[in-house]
Amino acid sequence: MKLVVVGGHSRSIGKTSVATSLIAGLRDLEWTALKITQFGHGVCSSDGEPCDCEPTDLDHPYAIAREEDVDGETDTARFLRAGAREVYWVRTRVGELAAVIPAIRKLIAGRRNVLMESNSILDHLTPDLYLPVVDFAVEDFKASSRHFFARADAIVVRDRPEVRPDWEGVDVSVLSQKPTFPVRPPDYCSPQLVRFVAERM
């Protein structure tokens, strides 16, 4: 099994679009895709907005749901529409991701290629390829992304030629030490990025 992790330093910077484009561009890799969402106090860490993604059974710190609605508007439906063979939404409380790791390991065992959208999963699994998405125009830089930034195999950069990174406490020299792939909306992908992932897989 090969594991690709797509992360990002903040919300709404194109992580899901990058993941979706890689699935679509490399359909022959027969992806199993997981979106990992953490929640706490009624707020979802995927976008920082109030949410109802918390499992209703509070005796269990996580929930895993298989996506079946190819026509849906969710991020997991986008993965399915892009061509993933199986898609799962993993929800866990903030700080309790470790509780779901055994279930994730069981879920992905025997799968050919797995793509996960998450930063925090790197505390528990070692991917074959880690691709953080960054946007120089967004000042927020999550602690989890800062912690793992130097572990990137390549960096996907929202292409804004006129903007330079201004992140406090972030080692921006990493940007010159790793392969970087500029991307633009709406697809947040490039043939070069797809080729890089294909070669590494």
N, C-alpha and C. Protein backbone atom coordinates (compact mmCIF):
# COMPACT_ATOMS: atom_id res chain seq x y z
N MET A 1 0.84 -1.20 0.00
CA MET A 1 0.00 0.00 0.00
C MET A 1 0.87 1.24 0.00
N LYS A 2 0.46 2.23 -0.77
CA LYS A 2 1.10 3.54 -0.77
C LYS A 2 0.14 4.56 -0.18
N LEU A 3 0.69 5.47 0.64
CA LEU A 3 -0.12 6.48 1.32
C LEU A 3 0.35 7.88 0.95
N VAL A 4 -0.60 8.68 0.46
CA VAL A 4 -0.36 10.10 0.18
C VAL A 4 -1.18 10.91 1.18
N VAL A 5 -0.55 11.88 1.81
CA VAL A 5 -1.25 12.78 2.73
C VAL A 5 -1.20 14.19 2.16
N VAL A 6 -2.36 14.80 2.02
CA VAL A 6 -2.47 16.20 1.59
C VAL A 6 -2.88 17.01 2.81
N GLY A 7 -2.05 17.96 3.18
CA GLY A 7 -2.34 18.83 4.32
C GLY A 7 -2.38 20.28 3.89
N GLY A 8 -2.34 21.16 4.87
CA GLY A 8 -2.36 22.57 4.55
C GLY A 8 -2.25 23.40 5.80
N HIS A 9 -1.79 24.64 5.65
CA HIS A 9 -1.49 25.46 6.83
C HIS A 9 -2.69 26.20 7.38
N SER A 10 -3.81 26.20 6.63
CA SER A 10 -4.98 26.94 7.10
C SER A 10 -6.23 26.38 6.44
N ARG A 11 -7.36 27.00 6.70
CA ARG A 11 -8.63 26.59 6.12
C ARG A 11 -8.82 27.24 4.76
N SER A 12 -9.60 26.57 3.94
CA SER A 12 -10.07 27.13 2.66
C SER A 12 -8.92 27.62 1.77
N ILE A 13 -7.87 26.80 1.65
CA ILE A 13 -6.75 27.19 0.78
C ILE A 13 -6.57 26.21 -0.38
N GLY A 14 -7.51 25.27 -0.53
CA GLY A 14 -7.46 24.40 -1.69
C GLY A 14 -7.04 22.97 -1.43
N LYS A 15 -6.97 22.55 -0.16
CA LYS A 15 -6.53 21.17 0.15
C LYS A 15 -7.42 20.13 -0.53
N THR A 16 -8.73 20.29 -0.39
CA THR A 16 -9.65 19.32 -0.97
C THR A 16 -9.58 19.35 -2.49
N SER A 17 -9.40 20.53 -3.07
CA SER A 17 -9.30 20.65 -4.52
C SER A 17 -8.03 19.96 -5.03
N VAL A 18 -6.93 20.12 -4.31
CA VAL A 18 -5.69 19.44 -4.70
C VAL A 18 -5.89 17.93 -4.63
N ALA A 19 -6.45 17.45 -3.52
CA ALA A 19 -6.67 16.01 -3.36
C ALA A 19 -7.59 15.48 -4.46
N THR A 20 -8.65 16.21 -4.75
CA THR A 20 -9.61 15.79 -5.77
C THR A 20 -8.95 15.73 -7.14
N SER A 21 -8.13 16.71 -7.46
CA SER A 21 -7.46 16.75 -8.76
C SER A 21 -6.45 15.61 -8.91
N LEU A 22 -5.78 15.26 -7.82
CA LEU A 22 -4.84 14.13 -7.89
C LEU A 22 -5.58 12.81 -8.11
N ILE A 23 -6.71 12.65 -7.42
CA ILE A 23 -7.52 11.44 -7.63
C ILE A 23 -7.96 11.36 -9.08
N ALA A 24 -8.46 12.47 -9.62
CA ALA A 24 -8.96 12.49 -11.00
C ALA A 24 -7.83 12.29 -12.00
N GLY A 25 -6.67 12.88 -11.72
CA GLY A 25 -5.55 12.78 -12.66
C GLY A 25 -4.84 11.45 -12.64
N LEU A 26 -5.08 10.67 -11.57
CA LEU A 26 -4.41 9.38 -11.42
C LEU A 26 -5.43 8.30 -11.04
N ARG A 27 -6.51 8.24 -11.79
CA ARG A 27 -7.60 7.30 -11.48
C ARG A 27 -7.14 5.85 -11.50
N ASP A 28 -6.16 5.55 -12.33
CA ASP A 28 -5.71 4.17 -12.45
C ASP A 28 -5.04 3.66 -11.17
N LEU A 29 -4.77 4.57 -10.22
CA LEU A 29 -4.17 4.15 -8.96
C LEU A 29 -5.20 3.59 -7.98
N GLU A 30 -6.47 3.61 -8.37
CA GLU A 30 -7.54 2.97 -7.59
C GLU A 30 -7.54 3.43 -6.13
N TRP A 31 -7.71 4.74 -5.95
CA TRP A 31 -7.59 5.37 -4.64
C TRP A 31 -8.68 4.93 -3.65
N THR A 32 -8.28 4.79 -2.41
CA THR A 32 -9.19 4.85 -1.27
C THR A 32 -8.88 6.20 -0.61
N ALA A 33 -9.89 7.03 -0.44
CA ALA A 33 -9.66 8.39 0.06
C ALA A 33 -10.36 8.59 1.41
N LEU A 34 -9.67 9.28 2.31
CA LEU A 34 -10.22 9.59 3.62
C LEU A 34 -10.09 11.08 3.89
N LYS A 35 -11.16 11.66 4.36
CA LYS A 35 -11.09 13.04 4.88
C LYS A 35 -11.22 12.94 6.39
N ILE A 36 -10.25 13.51 7.08
CA ILE A 36 -10.24 13.44 8.54
C ILE A 36 -10.59 14.81 9.10
N THR A 37 -11.66 14.86 9.86
CA THR A 37 -12.16 16.10 10.43
C THR A 37 -12.14 16.00 11.95
N GLN A 38 -11.58 17.02 12.58
CA GLN A 38 -11.61 17.10 14.04
C GLN A 38 -12.61 18.17 14.46
N PHE A 39 -13.25 17.92 15.58
CA PHE A 39 -14.27 18.86 16.05
C PHE A 39 -14.11 19.07 17.54
N GLY A 40 -14.65 20.17 18.00
CA GLY A 40 -14.65 20.45 19.43
C GLY A 40 -15.50 21.66 19.72
N HIS A 41 -16.33 21.57 20.76
CA HIS A 41 -17.18 22.68 21.19
C HIS A 41 -18.06 23.19 20.05
N GLY A 42 -18.53 22.25 19.23
CA GLY A 42 -19.45 22.64 18.15
C GLY A 42 -18.79 23.34 16.99
N VAL A 43 -17.46 23.32 16.94
CA VAL A 43 -16.74 23.98 15.86
C VAL A 43 -15.89 22.95 15.14
N CYS A 44 -15.96 22.95 13.84
CA CYS A 44 -15.24 21.99 13.02
C CYS A 44 -13.87 22.54 12.65
N SER A 45 -12.83 21.73 12.81
CA SER A 45 -11.49 22.22 12.50
C SER A 45 -11.24 22.28 11.01
N SER A 46 -12.11 21.72 10.19
CA SER A 46 -11.88 21.78 8.75
C SER A 46 -12.09 23.19 8.20
N ASP A 47 -13.01 23.94 8.82
CA ASP A 47 -13.22 25.31 8.34
C ASP A 47 -13.43 26.32 9.46
N GLY A 48 -13.41 25.87 10.72
CA GLY A 48 -13.53 26.78 11.84
C GLY A 48 -14.92 27.31 12.07
N GLU A 49 -15.89 26.76 11.37
CA GLU A 49 -17.27 27.24 11.48
C GLU A 49 -18.09 26.29 12.37
N PRO A 50 -19.20 26.79 12.93
CA PRO A 50 -20.09 25.90 13.68
C PRO A 50 -20.52 24.73 12.80
N CYS A 51 -20.59 23.54 13.40
CA CYS A 51 -20.92 22.37 12.60
C CYS A 51 -21.72 21.37 13.41
N ASP A 52 -22.25 20.38 12.70
CA ASP A 52 -22.94 19.28 13.36
C ASP A 52 -22.25 17.96 13.03
N CYS A 53 -20.94 18.01 12.78
CA CYS A 53 -20.24 16.80 12.37
C CYS A 53 -19.87 15.92 13.56
N GLU A 54 -20.10 16.40 14.77
CA GLU A 54 -19.77 15.59 15.94
C GLU A 54 -20.69 14.38 16.02
N PRO A 55 -20.11 13.18 16.20
CA PRO A 55 -20.95 12.00 16.37
C PRO A 55 -21.93 12.20 17.53
N THR A 56 -23.14 11.70 17.37
CA THR A 56 -24.15 11.90 18.41
C THR A 56 -23.91 11.02 19.63
N ASP A 57 -23.18 9.93 19.47
CA ASP A 57 -22.89 9.05 20.59
C ASP A 57 -21.59 9.51 21.24
N LEU A 58 -21.70 10.27 22.31
CA LEU A 58 -20.52 10.86 22.93
C LEU A 58 -19.69 9.86 23.70
N ASP A 59 -20.17 8.63 23.81
CA ASP A 59 -19.36 7.59 24.45
C ASP A 59 -18.24 7.11 23.54
N HIS A 60 -18.32 7.48 22.26
CA HIS A 60 -17.30 7.08 21.29
C HIS A 60 -16.64 8.33 20.74
N PRO A 61 -15.30 8.38 20.77
CA PRO A 61 -14.59 9.60 20.39
C PRO A 61 -14.44 9.81 18.89
N TYR A 62 -14.99 8.88 18.09
CA TYR A 62 -14.85 9.04 16.65
C TYR A 62 -16.01 8.38 15.92
N ALA A 63 -16.13 8.71 14.63
CA ALA A 63 -17.10 8.07 13.76
C ALA A 63 -16.48 7.96 12.37
N ILE A 64 -16.80 6.88 11.68
CA ILE A 64 -16.33 6.69 10.31
C ILE A 64 -17.55 6.39 9.44
N ALA A 65 -17.71 7.16 8.38
CA ALA A 65 -18.85 6.96 7.48
C ALA A 65 -18.34 6.80 6.05
N ARG A 66 -18.86 5.80 5.36
CA ARG A 66 -18.50 5.63 3.96
C ARG A 66 -19.38 6.53 3.10
N GLU A 67 -18.75 7.24 2.17
CA GLU A 67 -19.49 8.12 1.26
C GLU A 67 -20.07 7.29 0.12
N GLU A 68 -21.37 7.46 -0.12
CA GLU A 68 -22.04 6.72 -1.19
C GLU A 68 -22.72 7.65 -2.20
N ASP A 69 -22.83 8.94 -1.83
CA ASP A 69 -23.59 9.88 -2.66
C ASP A 69 -22.66 10.61 -3.63
N VAL A 70 -22.56 10.09 -4.83
CA VAL A 70 -21.66 10.68 -5.82
C VAL A 70 -22.13 12.07 -6.26
N ASP A 71 -23.40 12.38 -6.05
CA ASP A 71 -23.94 13.69 -6.47
C ASP A 71 -23.96 14.70 -5.34
N GLY A 72 -23.44 14.34 -4.16
CA GLY A 72 -23.49 15.22 -3.01
C GLY A 72 -22.57 16.43 -3.14
N GLU A 73 -22.70 17.35 -2.19
CA GLU A 73 -21.91 18.57 -2.19
C GLU A 73 -20.77 18.54 -1.19
N THR A 74 -20.60 17.43 -0.48
CA THR A 74 -19.56 17.32 0.53
C THR A 74 -18.19 17.11 -0.10
N ASP A 75 -17.15 17.33 0.69
CA ASP A 75 -15.80 17.08 0.20
C ASP A 75 -15.62 15.61 -0.15
N THR A 76 -16.20 14.73 0.65
CA THR A 76 -16.06 13.30 0.37
C THR A 76 -16.79 12.91 -0.92
N ALA A 77 -17.91 13.56 -1.20
CA ALA A 77 -18.60 13.31 -2.47
C ALA A 77 -17.73 13.77 -3.64
N ARG A 78 -17.01 14.84 -3.45
CA ARG A 78 -16.09 15.30 -4.51
C ARG A 78 -15.01 14.26 -4.77
N PHE A 79 -14.48 13.63 -3.72
CA PHE A 79 -13.50 12.56 -3.90
C PHE A 79 -14.10 11.42 -4.72
N LEU A 80 -15.32 11.05 -4.39
CA LEU A 80 -15.99 9.95 -5.08
C LEU A 80 -16.21 10.30 -6.55
N ARG A 81 -16.66 11.53 -6.80
CA ARG A 81 -16.91 11.97 -8.17
C ARG A 81 -15.63 12.02 -8.98
N ALA A 82 -14.52 12.31 -8.32
CA ALA A 82 -13.24 12.40 -9.02
C ALA A 82 -12.71 11.03 -9.45
N GLY A 83 -13.28 9.97 -8.86
CA GLY A 83 -12.88 8.64 -9.30
C GLY A 83 -12.32 7.73 -8.23
N ALA A 84 -12.35 8.15 -6.96
CA ALA A 84 -11.88 7.27 -5.90
C ALA A 84 -12.78 6.04 -5.82
N ARG A 85 -12.20 4.89 -5.57
CA ARG A 85 -12.98 3.65 -5.48
C ARG A 85 -13.78 3.58 -4.18
N GLU A 86 -13.17 4.05 -3.10
CA GLU A 86 -13.84 4.09 -1.81
C GLU A 86 -13.50 5.42 -1.14
N VAL A 87 -14.47 5.98 -0.42
CA VAL A 87 -14.25 7.25 0.26
C VAL A 87 -14.87 7.17 1.65
N TYR A 88 -14.13 7.68 2.64
CA TYR A 88 -14.60 7.65 4.02
C TYR A 88 -14.39 9.01 4.68
N TRP A 89 -15.36 9.37 5.53
CA TRP A 89 -15.24 10.58 6.35
C TRP A 89 -14.98 10.12 7.78
N VAL A 90 -13.82 10.49 8.29
CA VAL A 90 -13.42 10.12 9.65
C VAL A 90 -13.56 11.36 10.52
N ARG A 91 -14.39 11.26 11.56
CA ARG A 91 -14.60 12.40 12.46
C ARG A 91 -14.12 12.03 13.85
N THR A 92 -13.34 12.92 14.43
CA THR A 92 -12.80 12.66 15.76
C THR A 92 -12.72 13.95 16.55
N ARG A 93 -12.78 13.84 17.86
CA ARG A 93 -12.63 15.03 18.69
C ARG A 93 -11.20 15.54 18.61
N VAL A 94 -11.06 16.86 18.75
CA VAL A 94 -9.73 17.47 18.76
C VAL A 94 -8.89 16.82 19.86
N GLY A 95 -7.69 16.41 19.50
CA GLY A 95 -6.78 15.82 20.47
C GLY A 95 -6.99 14.33 20.70
N GLU A 96 -7.99 13.74 20.03
CA GLU A 96 -8.29 12.32 20.25
C GLU A 96 -8.15 11.49 18.98
N LEU A 97 -7.33 11.96 18.06
CA LEU A 97 -7.15 11.24 16.81
C LEU A 97 -6.57 9.84 17.05
N ALA A 98 -5.75 9.70 18.07
CA ALA A 98 -5.12 8.40 18.35
C ALA A 98 -6.16 7.30 18.53
N ALA A 99 -7.33 7.66 19.04
CA ALA A 99 -8.36 6.65 19.31
C ALA A 99 -8.86 5.97 18.05
N VAL A 100 -8.80 6.66 16.92
CA VAL A 100 -9.34 6.10 15.68
C VAL A 100 -8.27 5.44 14.82
N ILE A 101 -7.01 5.56 15.18
CA ILE A 101 -5.93 5.02 14.35
C ILE A 101 -6.05 3.52 14.13
N PRO A 102 -6.33 2.70 15.16
CA PRO A 102 -6.49 1.27 14.88
C PRO A 102 -7.58 0.99 13.84
N ALA A 103 -8.69 1.73 13.91
CA ALA A 103 -9.77 1.54 12.95
C ALA A 103 -9.35 1.98 11.55
N ILE A 104 -8.57 3.05 11.46
CA ILE A 104 -8.07 3.51 10.16
C ILE A 104 -7.12 2.47 9.57
N ARG A 105 -6.22 1.96 10.40
CA ARG A 105 -5.28 0.93 9.91
C ARG A 105 -6.03 -0.28 9.36
N LYS A 106 -7.06 -0.69 10.06
CA LYS A 106 -7.86 -1.84 9.61
C LYS A 106 -8.58 -1.51 8.31
N LEU A 107 -9.10 -0.29 8.22
CA LEU A 107 -9.86 0.14 7.05
C LEU A 107 -9.00 0.14 5.79
N ILE A 108 -7.75 0.59 5.90
CA ILE A 108 -6.92 0.75 4.71
C ILE A 108 -6.04 -0.47 4.42
N ALA A 109 -6.06 -1.45 5.31
CA ALA A 109 -5.24 -2.64 5.11
C ALA A 109 -5.63 -3.32 3.79
N GLY A 110 -4.63 -3.62 2.99
CA GLY A 110 -4.87 -4.30 1.72
C GLY A 110 -5.29 -3.39 0.59
N ARG A 111 -5.49 -2.11 0.85
CA ARG A 111 -5.84 -1.18 -0.22
C ARG A 111 -4.59 -0.88 -1.05
N ARG A 112 -4.78 -0.58 -2.31
CA ARG A 112 -3.64 -0.35 -3.21
C ARG A 112 -2.99 1.00 -2.94
N ASN A 113 -3.77 2.06 -3.03
CA ASN A 113 -3.28 3.42 -2.81
C ASN A 113 -4.29 4.19 -1.99
N VAL A 114 -3.78 4.91 -1.00
CA VAL A 114 -4.65 5.64 -0.07
C VAL A 114 -4.25 7.11 -0.07
N LEU A 115 -5.24 7.99 -0.12
CA LEU A 115 -5.02 9.42 -0.01
C LEU A 115 -5.81 9.92 1.20
N MET A 116 -5.14 10.65 2.09
CA MET A 116 -5.80 11.23 3.25
C MET A 116 -5.63 12.73 3.25
N GLU A 117 -6.72 13.44 3.55
CA GLU A 117 -6.64 14.89 3.74
C GLU A 117 -6.56 15.15 5.24
N SER A 118 -5.38 15.54 5.70
CA SER A 118 -5.16 15.75 7.13
C SER A 118 -3.72 16.18 7.33
N ASN A 119 -3.46 16.95 8.40
CA ASN A 119 -2.10 17.17 8.87
C ASN A 119 -1.79 16.26 10.04
N SER A 120 -2.72 16.21 10.98
CA SER A 120 -2.48 15.53 12.26
C SER A 120 -2.23 14.04 12.12
N ILE A 121 -2.66 13.46 11.01
CA ILE A 121 -2.45 12.02 10.82
C ILE A 121 -0.96 11.68 10.82
N LEU A 122 -0.11 12.67 10.54
CA LEU A 122 1.33 12.44 10.50
C LEU A 122 1.90 12.12 11.87
N ASP A 123 1.15 12.40 12.92
CA ASP A 123 1.57 11.99 14.26
C ASP A 123 1.46 10.48 14.44
N HIS A 124 0.73 9.82 13.56
CA HIS A 124 0.41 8.41 13.76
C HIS A 124 0.79 7.51 12.60
N LEU A 125 0.83 8.05 11.39
CA LEU A 125 1.17 7.26 10.21
C LEU A 125 2.28 7.95 9.43
N THR A 126 3.13 7.17 8.78
CA THR A 126 4.20 7.72 7.96
C THR A 126 3.84 7.54 6.49
N PRO A 127 3.54 8.64 5.81
CA PRO A 127 3.12 8.51 4.41
C PRO A 127 4.31 8.30 3.48
N ASP A 128 4.01 7.80 2.30
CA ASP A 128 5.02 7.71 1.25
C ASP A 128 5.23 9.08 0.61
N LEU A 129 4.22 9.92 0.73
CA LEU A 129 4.29 11.25 0.13
C LEU A 129 3.43 12.21 0.96
N TYR A 130 4.04 13.31 1.41
CA TYR A 130 3.31 14.33 2.15
C TYR A 130 3.36 15.63 1.37
N LEU A 131 2.18 16.17 1.04
CA LEU A 131 2.06 17.37 0.22
C LEU A 131 1.26 18.43 0.96
N PRO A 132 1.92 19.37 1.64
CA PRO A 132 1.17 20.47 2.23
C PRO A 132 0.83 21.53 1.18
N VAL A 133 -0.36 22.08 1.29
CA VAL A 133 -0.82 23.15 0.41
C VAL A 133 -0.64 24.46 1.16
N VAL A 134 -0.04 25.46 0.51
CA VAL A 134 0.17 26.75 1.16
C VAL A 134 -0.33 27.89 0.27
N ASP A 135 -0.75 28.95 0.92
CA ASP A 135 -1.20 30.16 0.24
C ASP A 135 -0.53 31.33 0.94
N PHE A 136 0.39 31.99 0.25
CA PHE A 136 1.16 33.08 0.86
C PHE A 136 0.29 34.23 1.33
N ALA A 137 -0.91 34.35 0.77
CA ALA A 137 -1.79 35.47 1.14
C ALA A 137 -2.55 35.19 2.43
N VAL A 138 -2.46 33.98 2.97
CA VAL A 138 -3.17 33.62 4.20
C VAL A 138 -2.16 33.58 5.34
N GLU A 139 -2.32 34.48 6.32
CA GLU A 139 -1.35 34.60 7.41
C GLU A 139 -1.43 33.45 8.40
N ASP A 140 -2.61 32.91 8.62
CA ASP A 140 -2.78 31.84 9.60
C ASP A 140 -1.92 30.64 9.22
N PHE A 141 -1.23 30.06 10.20
CA PHE A 141 -0.42 28.87 9.97
C PHE A 141 -0.62 27.95 11.16
N LYS A 142 -1.44 26.92 10.97
CA LYS A 142 -1.81 26.03 12.08
C LYS A 142 -0.58 25.37 12.69
N ALA A 143 -0.65 25.14 13.99
CA ALA A 143 0.47 24.53 14.70
C ALA A 143 0.80 23.16 14.13
N SER A 144 -0.22 22.38 13.77
CA SER A 144 0.03 21.04 13.23
C SER A 144 0.78 21.12 11.91
N SER A 145 0.45 22.10 11.08
CA SER A 145 1.14 22.25 9.80
C SER A 145 2.56 22.75 10.01
N ARG A 146 2.74 23.68 10.96
CA ARG A 146 4.09 24.17 11.25
C ARG A 146 4.99 23.04 11.74
N HIS A 147 4.43 22.17 12.55
CA HIS A 147 5.18 21.05 13.13
C HIS A 147 5.70 20.10 12.06
N PHE A 148 4.90 19.90 11.00
CA PHE A 148 5.25 18.91 9.98
C PHE A 148 5.80 19.51 8.69
N PHE A 149 5.92 20.83 8.62
CA PHE A 149 6.25 21.49 7.36
C PHE A 149 7.55 20.97 6.75
N ALA A 150 8.56 20.78 7.56
CA ALA A 150 9.86 20.34 7.05
C ALA A 150 9.83 18.90 6.55
N ARG A 151 8.79 18.15 6.91
CA ARG A 151 8.67 16.76 6.45
C ARG A 151 8.05 16.65 5.06
N ALA A 152 7.68 17.77 4.48
CA ALA A 152 7.06 17.75 3.16
C ALA A 152 7.98 17.11 2.13
N ASP A 153 7.39 16.32 1.25
CA ASP A 153 8.14 15.80 0.10
C ASP A 153 8.12 16.80 -1.04
N ALA A 154 7.07 17.57 -1.10
CA ALA A 154 6.93 18.66 -2.07
C ALA A 154 5.88 19.59 -1.51
N ILE A 155 5.86 20.81 -2.00
CA ILE A 155 4.91 21.81 -1.49
C ILE A 155 4.08 22.33 -2.65
N VAL A 156 2.77 22.33 -2.43
CA VAL A 156 1.83 22.83 -3.43
C VAL A 156 1.50 24.27 -3.05
N VAL A 157 1.81 25.20 -3.95
CA VAL A 157 1.72 26.63 -3.64
C VAL A 157 0.63 27.29 -4.47
N ARG A 158 -0.32 27.93 -3.81
CA ARG A 158 -1.31 28.74 -4.53
C ARG A 158 -0.56 29.85 -5.26
N ASP A 159 -0.67 29.86 -6.56
CA ASP A 159 0.14 30.74 -7.41
C ASP A 159 -0.34 32.19 -7.32
N ARG A 160 0.42 32.98 -6.55
CA ARG A 160 0.17 34.42 -6.44
C ARG A 160 1.53 35.09 -6.57
N PRO A 161 1.98 35.34 -7.79
CA PRO A 161 3.35 35.84 -8.02
C PRO A 161 3.68 37.11 -7.27
N GLU A 162 2.66 37.92 -6.95
CA GLU A 162 2.92 39.22 -6.32
C GLU A 162 3.00 39.13 -4.80
N VAL A 163 2.76 37.96 -4.23
CA VAL A 163 2.69 37.82 -2.78
C VAL A 163 3.83 36.96 -2.28
N ARG A 164 4.46 37.39 -1.18
CA ARG A 164 5.52 36.62 -0.53
C ARG A 164 5.03 36.14 0.84
N PRO A 165 5.53 35.01 1.30
CA PRO A 165 5.07 34.50 2.60
C PRO A 165 5.49 35.40 3.76
N ASP A 166 4.58 35.59 4.70
CA ASP A 166 4.86 36.39 5.89
C ASP A 166 4.27 35.67 7.10
N TRP A 167 4.92 34.54 7.43
CA TRP A 167 4.42 33.70 8.51
C TRP A 167 5.36 33.75 9.69
N GLU A 168 4.84 34.18 10.81
CA GLU A 168 5.67 34.27 12.01
C GLU A 168 5.98 32.88 12.54
N GLY A 169 7.26 32.63 12.83
CA GLY A 169 7.67 31.37 13.42
C GLY A 169 7.72 30.19 12.47
N VAL A 170 7.67 30.45 11.16
CA VAL A 170 7.71 29.39 10.16
C VAL A 170 9.01 29.48 9.39
N ASP A 171 9.70 28.37 9.25
CA ASP A 171 10.96 28.31 8.51
C ASP A 171 10.67 28.30 7.01
N VAL A 172 10.65 29.47 6.40
CA VAL A 172 10.30 29.56 4.98
C VAL A 172 11.43 29.06 4.08
N SER A 173 12.61 28.77 4.64
CA SER A 173 13.68 28.21 3.82
C SER A 173 13.28 26.84 3.28
N VAL A 174 12.32 26.20 3.92
CA VAL A 174 11.82 24.91 3.44
C VAL A 174 11.33 25.03 2.00
N LEU A 175 10.79 26.21 1.66
CA LEU A 175 10.25 26.42 0.32
C LEU A 175 11.31 26.30 -0.76
N SER A 176 12.55 26.63 -0.43
CA SER A 176 13.63 26.54 -1.42
C SER A 176 14.34 25.20 -1.38
N GLN A 177 14.01 24.38 -0.38
CA GLN A 177 14.66 23.08 -0.22
C GLN A 177 13.84 21.94 -0.78
N LYS A 178 12.59 22.18 -1.11
CA LYS A 178 11.69 21.14 -1.58
C LYS A 178 11.17 21.47 -2.98
N PRO A 179 10.78 20.45 -3.75
CA PRO A 179 10.09 20.74 -5.01
C PRO A 179 8.80 21.51 -4.71
N THR A 180 8.52 22.51 -5.49
CA THR A 180 7.29 23.28 -5.32
C THR A 180 6.48 23.26 -6.61
N PHE A 181 5.17 23.21 -6.45
CA PHE A 181 4.28 23.13 -7.60
C PHE A 181 3.21 24.21 -7.50
N PRO A 182 3.34 25.27 -8.31
CA PRO A 182 2.32 26.32 -8.31
C PRO A 182 1.01 25.79 -8.89
N VAL A 183 -0.11 26.15 -8.25
CA VAL A 183 -1.43 25.75 -8.74
C VAL A 183 -2.37 26.95 -8.63
N ARG A 184 -3.41 26.91 -9.42
CA ARG A 184 -4.40 27.98 -9.41
C ARG A 184 -5.80 27.40 -9.38
N PRO A 185 -6.76 28.15 -8.82
CA PRO A 185 -8.15 27.70 -8.90
C PRO A 185 -8.61 27.74 -10.36
N PRO A 186 -9.61 26.97 -10.73
CA PRO A 186 -10.45 26.18 -9.82
C PRO A 186 -9.93 24.76 -9.56
N ASP A 187 -8.98 24.26 -10.37
CA ASP A 187 -8.61 22.86 -10.22
C ASP A 187 -7.47 22.63 -9.23
N TYR A 188 -6.68 23.67 -8.92
CA TYR A 188 -5.59 23.56 -7.95
C TYR A 188 -4.67 22.37 -8.27
N CYS A 189 -4.32 22.24 -9.53
CA CYS A 189 -3.44 21.14 -9.92
C CYS A 189 -2.63 21.57 -11.15
N SER A 190 -1.68 20.73 -11.53
CA SER A 190 -0.88 20.98 -12.72
C SER A 190 -0.38 19.64 -13.23
N PRO A 191 -0.07 19.55 -14.52
CA PRO A 191 0.48 18.31 -15.06
C PRO A 191 1.78 17.92 -14.36
N GLN A 192 2.56 18.91 -13.96
CA GLN A 192 3.83 18.63 -13.28
C GLN A 192 3.59 17.97 -11.92
N LEU A 193 2.59 18.45 -11.19
CA LEU A 193 2.27 17.87 -9.89
C LEU A 193 1.77 16.43 -10.05
N VAL A 194 0.89 16.21 -11.00
CA VAL A 194 0.37 14.87 -11.25
C VAL A 194 1.51 13.93 -11.62
N ARG A 195 2.42 14.39 -12.47
CA ARG A 195 3.55 13.56 -12.88
C ARG A 195 4.45 13.24 -11.70
N PHE A 196 4.70 14.22 -10.84
CA PHE A 196 5.53 14.00 -9.65
C PHE A 196 4.92 12.92 -8.76
N VAL A 197 3.62 13.02 -8.49
CA VAL A 197 2.96 12.03 -7.65
C VAL A 197 2.99 10.66 -8.31
N ALA A 198 2.74 10.62 -9.61
CA ALA A 198 2.75 9.33 -10.32
C ALA A 198 4.12 8.66 -10.23
N GLU A 199 5.17 9.44 -10.36
CA GLU A 199 6.52 8.89 -10.28
C GLU A 199 6.84 8.37 -8.90
N ARG A 200 6.35 9.08 -7.88
CA ARG A 200 6.62 8.65 -6.50
C ARG A 200 5.78 7.46 -6.08
N MET A 201 4.66 7.25 -6.76
CA MET A 201 3.78 6.15 -6.40
C MET A 201 4.17 4.86 -7.10
